[in-house]
Amino acid sequence: KKVTVEINDTGAGIAQEDLPHIFNRFYRGDKSRRQHTGNAGLGLAIVKSILGLHGSEIDVTSSRGEGASFRFALPVAEGAARPHREAAALL
């Protein structure tokens, strides 16, 4: 009774040495852009925290130049309507 969500991109990917740290607060892997992006390095830490409150974890795999894939599962609320496959694909 869980819904699994997987998000894939075809971007630059995440360096293997950065993967263990990307969910840490204020961590930003791309050292060359740290001061120019304005990003605080909080987004993935917040995601991990919210998922933890729901009893879930997030997993990531990535290769440089091939993008990244994030996966997590959340419990389905009792009585919740089941989305159509097409609608779920848009999420």
Protein backbone atom coordinates (compact mmCIF):
# COMPACT_ATOMS: atom_id res chain seq x y z
CA LYS A 1 0.00 0.00 0.00
CA LYS A 2 2.62 2.48 -1.10
CA VAL A 3 3.08 4.79 -4.04
CA THR A 4 6.57 4.84 -5.49
CA VAL A 5 7.79 8.02 -7.14
CA GLU A 6 10.82 8.14 -9.42
CA ILE A 7 12.20 11.35 -10.87
CA ASN A 8 14.82 11.14 -13.62
CA ASP A 9 16.71 13.83 -15.43
CA THR A 10 19.22 13.92 -18.24
CA GLY A 11 21.34 16.71 -16.81
CA ALA A 12 24.99 16.80 -15.88
CA GLY A 13 24.59 14.20 -13.14
CA ILE A 14 26.08 14.16 -9.67
CA ALA A 15 29.69 13.24 -9.03
CA GLN A 16 30.10 9.98 -7.09
CA GLU A 17 32.08 11.76 -4.37
CA ASP A 18 29.16 14.17 -3.83
CA LEU A 19 26.39 11.53 -3.59
CA PRO A 20 26.90 10.73 0.13
CA HIS A 21 26.56 14.44 0.98
CA ILE A 22 23.78 15.84 -1.22
CA PHE A 23 21.11 15.47 1.50
CA ASN A 24 23.20 17.39 4.05
CA ARG A 25 22.09 20.93 4.83
CA PHE A 26 24.05 23.63 3.01
CA TYR A 27 25.97 21.13 0.86
CA ARG A 28 26.48 22.20 -2.74
CA GLY A 29 28.46 19.86 -4.93
CA ASP A 30 29.40 22.14 -7.81
CA LYS A 31 32.26 24.08 -6.23
CA SER A 32 32.74 26.33 -9.26
CA ARG A 33 29.20 27.77 -8.97
CA ARG A 34 28.83 27.97 -5.19
CA GLN A 35 28.90 31.75 -4.92
CA HIS A 36 27.07 32.54 -8.16
CA THR A 37 23.86 30.50 -8.02
CA GLY A 38 22.27 31.91 -4.90
CA ASN A 39 21.25 28.38 -3.91
CA ALA A 40 21.53 27.67 -0.20
CA GLY A 41 21.90 23.90 -0.46
CA LEU A 42 18.75 23.24 1.55
CA GLY A 43 16.32 21.71 -0.97
CA LEU A 44 17.31 18.04 -0.75
CA ALA A 45 17.79 18.26 3.03
CA ILE A 46 14.19 19.52 3.32
CA VAL A 47 12.93 16.74 1.02
CA LYS A 48 14.72 14.11 3.12
CA SER A 49 13.27 15.57 6.32
CA ILE A 50 9.68 15.64 4.99
CA LEU A 51 9.96 12.07 3.71
CA GLY A 52 11.37 10.99 7.07
CA LEU A 53 8.29 12.41 8.80
CA HIS A 54 6.24 10.10 6.58
CA GLY A 55 8.38 7.08 7.39
CA SER A 56 10.10 7.06 4.02
CA GLU A 57 13.62 7.46 2.66
CA ILE A 58 14.90 8.82 -0.63
CA ASP A 59 17.42 7.05 -2.83
CA VAL A 60 19.53 8.55 -5.60
CA THR A 61 21.69 7.10 -8.34
CA SER A 62 23.66 9.18 -10.78
CA SER A 63 26.48 9.16 -13.26
CA ARG A 64 28.33 12.23 -14.47
CA GLY A 65 27.03 13.25 -17.89
CA GLU A 66 24.02 10.91 -17.68
CA GLY A 67 21.69 12.61 -15.21
CA ALA A 68 20.28 11.49 -11.89
CA SER A 69 17.43 9.34 -10.63
CA PHE A 70 15.66 9.97 -7.30
CA ARG A 71 13.21 7.42 -5.82
CA PHE A 72 10.97 7.33 -2.78
CA ALA A 73 7.77 5.64 -1.63
CA LEU A 74 4.92 7.03 0.44
CA PRO A 75 2.07 5.19 2.13
CA VAL A 76 -1.32 5.46 0.42
CA ALA A 77 -4.02 6.99 2.62
CA GLU A 78 -6.93 4.68 3.34
CA GLY A 79 -9.83 5.36 1.01
CA ALA A 80 -7.65 7.33 -1.40
CA ALA A 81 -8.66 7.18 -5.04
CA ARG A 82 -6.24 5.37 -7.29
CA PRO A 83 -4.89 7.70 -10.04
CA HIS A 84 -5.01 6.66 -13.66
CA ARG A 85 -1.67 5.52 -15.05
CA GLU A 86 -1.57 8.52 -17.42
CA ALA A 87 -2.17 10.97 -14.58
CA ALA A 88 0.50 9.32 -12.44
CA ALA A 89 2.99 9.62 -15.32
CA LEU A 90 2.57 13.40 -15.27
CA LEU A 91 3.54 13.71 -11.61
